[in-house]
Amino acid sequence: MKSRVSLPNTPAPRSGLPLRVASWLLDRPQLGQREGIKRLAGHLLKQPARQGVTEAQSRLGLLLCRECGGQRDRRIGFELLRLAARAGDPVAQRELGRQEPTAER
């Protein structure tokens, strides 16, 4: 008779690797300017940002606000920046301060 071993309920691990890889890609001068690299970094940042990782929210928000031409993407990026700024991210707070007056027009 086979016995079943039940694993305790553990929360999903905060995946730091996608955030580190995306940051590394975006911070490289020659790589970070390429459209495909930005798209890849955005995909890597999406899950950690959904999980509430402040740095991922900030980086993805900046990417969406600066690099995407669509109104929906900019709105989502702005919301991610607001979440990161509320969590105390200084980069998001600074960027949000720059965009606040123009965002309400």
C-alpha atoms as a PDB file:
ATOM      1  CA  MET A   1       0.000   0.000   0.000  1.00  0.00           C
ATOM      2  CA  LYS A   2       1.406   3.331  -1.020  1.00  0.00           C
ATOM      3  CA  SER A   3       1.328   6.078   1.513  1.00  0.00           C
ATOM      4  CA  ARG A   4       0.722   9.648   0.523  1.00  0.00           C
ATOM      5  CA  VAL A   5       2.993  12.277   1.867  1.00  0.00           C
ATOM      6  CA  SER A   6       1.353  15.638   2.038  1.00  0.00           C
ATOM      7  CA  LEU A   7       3.534  18.667   1.826  1.00  0.00           C
ATOM      8  CA  PRO A   8       2.773  21.526   4.163  1.00  0.00           C
ATOM      9  CA  ASN A   9       1.168  24.567   2.636  1.00  0.00           C
ATOM     10  CA  THR A  10       4.037  26.852   1.891  1.00  0.00           C
ATOM     11  CA  PRO A  11       3.652  30.199   0.213  1.00  0.00           C
ATOM     12  CA  ALA A  12       4.945  30.555  -3.294  1.00  0.00           C
ATOM     13  CA  PRO A  13       8.569  31.655  -3.155  1.00  0.00           C
ATOM     14  CA  ARG A  14       9.315  35.226  -4.071  1.00  0.00           C
ATOM     15  CA  SER A  15      11.154  34.700  -7.283  1.00  0.00           C
ATOM     16  CA  GLY A  16      14.181  36.918  -7.067  1.00  0.00           C
ATOM     17  CA  LEU A  17      15.883  35.471 -10.127  1.00  0.00           C
ATOM     18  CA  PRO A  18      13.586  37.041 -12.760  1.00  0.00           C
ATOM     19  CA  LEU A  19      13.969  40.420 -11.059  1.00  0.00           C
ATOM     20  CA  ARG A  20      17.750  40.115 -10.948  1.00  0.00           C
ATOM     21  CA  VAL A  21      17.954  38.995 -14.589  1.00  0.00           C
ATOM     22  CA  ALA A  22      15.636  41.798 -15.752  1.00  0.00           C
ATOM     23  CA  SER A  23      17.597  44.398 -13.783  1.00  0.00           C
ATOM     24  CA  TRP A  24      20.860  43.085 -15.176  1.00  0.00           C
ATOM     25  CA  LEU A  25      19.533  43.261 -18.740  1.00  0.00           C
ATOM     26  CA  LEU A  26      18.101  46.776 -18.354  1.00  0.00           C
ATOM     27  CA  ASP A  27      21.204  48.132 -16.613  1.00  0.00           C
ATOM     28  CA  ARG A  28      23.569  47.069 -19.397  1.00  0.00           C
ATOM     29  CA  PRO A  29      24.066  50.068 -21.719  1.00  0.00           C
ATOM     30  CA  GLN A  30      24.210  48.130 -24.989  1.00  0.00           C
ATOM     31  CA  LEU A  31      21.550  45.570 -24.074  1.00  0.00           C
ATOM     32  CA  GLY A  32      19.091  47.775 -22.213  1.00  0.00           C
ATOM     33  CA  GLN A  33      18.385  49.970 -25.232  1.00  0.00           C
ATOM     34  CA  ARG A  34      17.205  47.139 -27.487  1.00  0.00           C
ATOM     35  CA  GLU A  35      13.474  46.710 -27.955  1.00  0.00           C
ATOM     36  CA  GLY A  36      13.555  42.921 -27.616  1.00  0.00           C
ATOM     37  CA  ILE A  37      15.515  43.123 -24.380  1.00  0.00           C
ATOM     38  CA  LYS A  38      13.027  45.618 -22.939  1.00  0.00           C
ATOM     39  CA  ARG A  39      10.169  43.297 -23.871  1.00  0.00           C
ATOM     40  CA  LEU A  40      11.930  40.316 -22.272  1.00  0.00           C
ATOM     41  CA  ALA A  41      12.654  42.326 -19.124  1.00  0.00           C
ATOM     42  CA  GLY A  42       9.009  43.379 -18.967  1.00  0.00           C
ATOM     43  CA  HIS A  43       7.899  39.759 -19.108  1.00  0.00           C
ATOM     44  CA  LEU A  44      10.397  38.839 -16.385  1.00  0.00           C
ATOM     45  CA  LEU A  45       9.229  41.675 -14.141  1.00  0.00           C
ATOM     46  CA  LYS A  46       5.511  41.000 -14.513  1.00  0.00           C
ATOM     47  CA  GLN A  47       5.171  38.109 -12.048  1.00  0.00           C
ATOM     48  CA  PRO A  48       7.275  39.635  -9.228  1.00  0.00           C
ATOM     49  CA  ALA A  49       5.364  42.898  -9.667  1.00  0.00           C
ATOM     50  CA  ARG A  50       2.065  41.015  -9.309  1.00  0.00           C
ATOM     51  CA  GLN A  51       3.430  39.368  -6.165  1.00  0.00           C
ATOM     52  CA  GLY A  52       4.022  42.795  -4.664  1.00  0.00           C
ATOM     53  CA  VAL A  53       7.806  43.076  -5.004  1.00  0.00           C
ATOM     54  CA  THR A  54       8.366  46.821  -4.782  1.00  0.00           C
ATOM     55  CA  GLU A  55      11.504  46.953  -6.931  1.00  0.00           C
ATOM     56  CA  ALA A  56       9.790  44.962  -9.692  1.00  0.00           C
ATOM     57  CA  GLN A  57       6.769  47.281  -9.563  1.00  0.00           C
ATOM     58  CA  SER A  58       9.052  50.288  -9.824  1.00  0.00           C
ATOM     59  CA  ARG A  59      11.152  48.918 -12.710  1.00  0.00           C
ATOM     60  CA  LEU A  60       8.133  47.665 -14.672  1.00  0.00           C
ATOM     61  CA  GLY A  61       6.244  50.907 -14.039  1.00  0.00           C
ATOM     62  CA  LEU A  62       9.170  52.934 -15.381  1.00  0.00           C
ATOM     63  CA  LEU A  63       9.467  50.664 -18.382  1.00  0.00           C
ATOM     64  CA  LEU A  64       5.775  50.949 -19.211  1.00  0.00           C
ATOM     65  CA  CYS A  65       5.599  54.721 -18.682  1.00  0.00           C
ATOM     66  CA  ARG A  66       8.721  55.545 -20.669  1.00  0.00           C
ATOM     67  CA  GLU A  67       8.854  52.935 -23.403  1.00  0.00           C
ATOM     68  CA  CYS A  68       5.296  52.016 -24.295  1.00  0.00           C
ATOM     69  CA  GLY A  69       3.224  54.156 -26.581  1.00  0.00           C
ATOM     70  CA  GLY A  70      -0.175  52.834 -25.597  1.00  0.00           C
ATOM     71  CA  GLN A  71      -2.412  54.718 -23.194  1.00  0.00           C
ATOM     72  CA  ARG A  72      -3.339  51.499 -21.365  1.00  0.00           C
ATOM     73  CA  ASP A  73       0.312  50.557 -20.800  1.00  0.00           C
ATOM     74  CA  ARG A  74       1.110  54.026 -19.465  1.00  0.00           C
ATOM     75  CA  ARG A  75      -1.877  53.870 -17.124  1.00  0.00           C
ATOM     76  CA  ILE A  76      -0.746  50.480 -15.778  1.00  0.00           C
ATOM     77  CA  GLY A  77       2.818  51.771 -15.451  1.00  0.00           C
ATOM     78  CA  PHE A  78       1.609  54.804 -13.541  1.00  0.00           C
ATOM     79  CA  GLU A  79      -0.377  52.580 -11.165  1.00  0.00           C
ATOM     80  CA  LEU A  80       2.661  50.350 -10.588  1.00  0.00           C
ATOM     81  CA  LEU A  81       4.743  53.435  -9.816  1.00  0.00           C
ATOM     82  CA  ARG A  82       2.109  54.594  -7.332  1.00  0.00           C
ATOM     83  CA  LEU A  83       2.167  51.215  -5.591  1.00  0.00           C
ATOM     84  CA  ALA A  84       5.967  51.234  -5.397  1.00  0.00           C
ATOM     85  CA  ALA A  85       6.013  54.845  -4.190  1.00  0.00           C
ATOM     86  CA  ARG A  86       3.541  54.026  -1.421  1.00  0.00           C
ATOM     87  CA  ALA A  87       5.822  51.168  -0.389  1.00  0.00           C
ATOM     88  CA  GLY A  88       8.684  53.653  -0.060  1.00  0.00           C
ATOM     89  CA  ASP A  89      10.655  53.154  -3.274  1.00  0.00           C
ATOM     90  CA  PRO A  90      12.608  56.403  -3.812  1.00  0.00           C
ATOM     91  CA  VAL A  91      12.967  55.943  -7.582  1.00  0.00           C
ATOM     92  CA  ALA A  92       9.221  55.519  -7.988  1.00  0.00           C
ATOM     93  CA  GLN A  93       8.543  58.517  -5.727  1.00  0.00           C
ATOM     94  CA  ARG A  94      10.891  60.681  -7.773  1.00  0.00           C
ATOM     95  CA  GLU A  95       9.436  59.550 -11.108  1.00  0.00           C
ATOM     96  CA  LEU A  96       5.895  59.915  -9.842  1.00  0.00           C
ATOM     97  CA  GLY A  97       6.682  63.479  -8.763  1.00  0.00           C
ATOM     98  CA  ARG A  98       7.836  64.240 -12.309  1.00  0.00           C
ATOM     99  CA  GLN A  99       4.769  62.716 -13.952  1.00  0.00           C
ATOM    100  CA  GLU A 100       2.024  63.811 -11.564  1.00  0.00           C
ATOM    101  CA  PRO A 101       1.197  67.217 -13.122  1.00  0.00           C
ATOM    102  CA  THR A 102       1.173  65.936 -16.707  1.00  0.00           C
ATOM    103  CA  ALA A 103      -0.804  62.792 -15.867  1.00  0.00           C
ATOM    104  CA  GLU A 104      -3.886  64.724 -14.801  1.00  0.00           C
ATOM    105  CA  ARG A 105      -4.272  66.738 -17.997  1.00  0.00           C
END
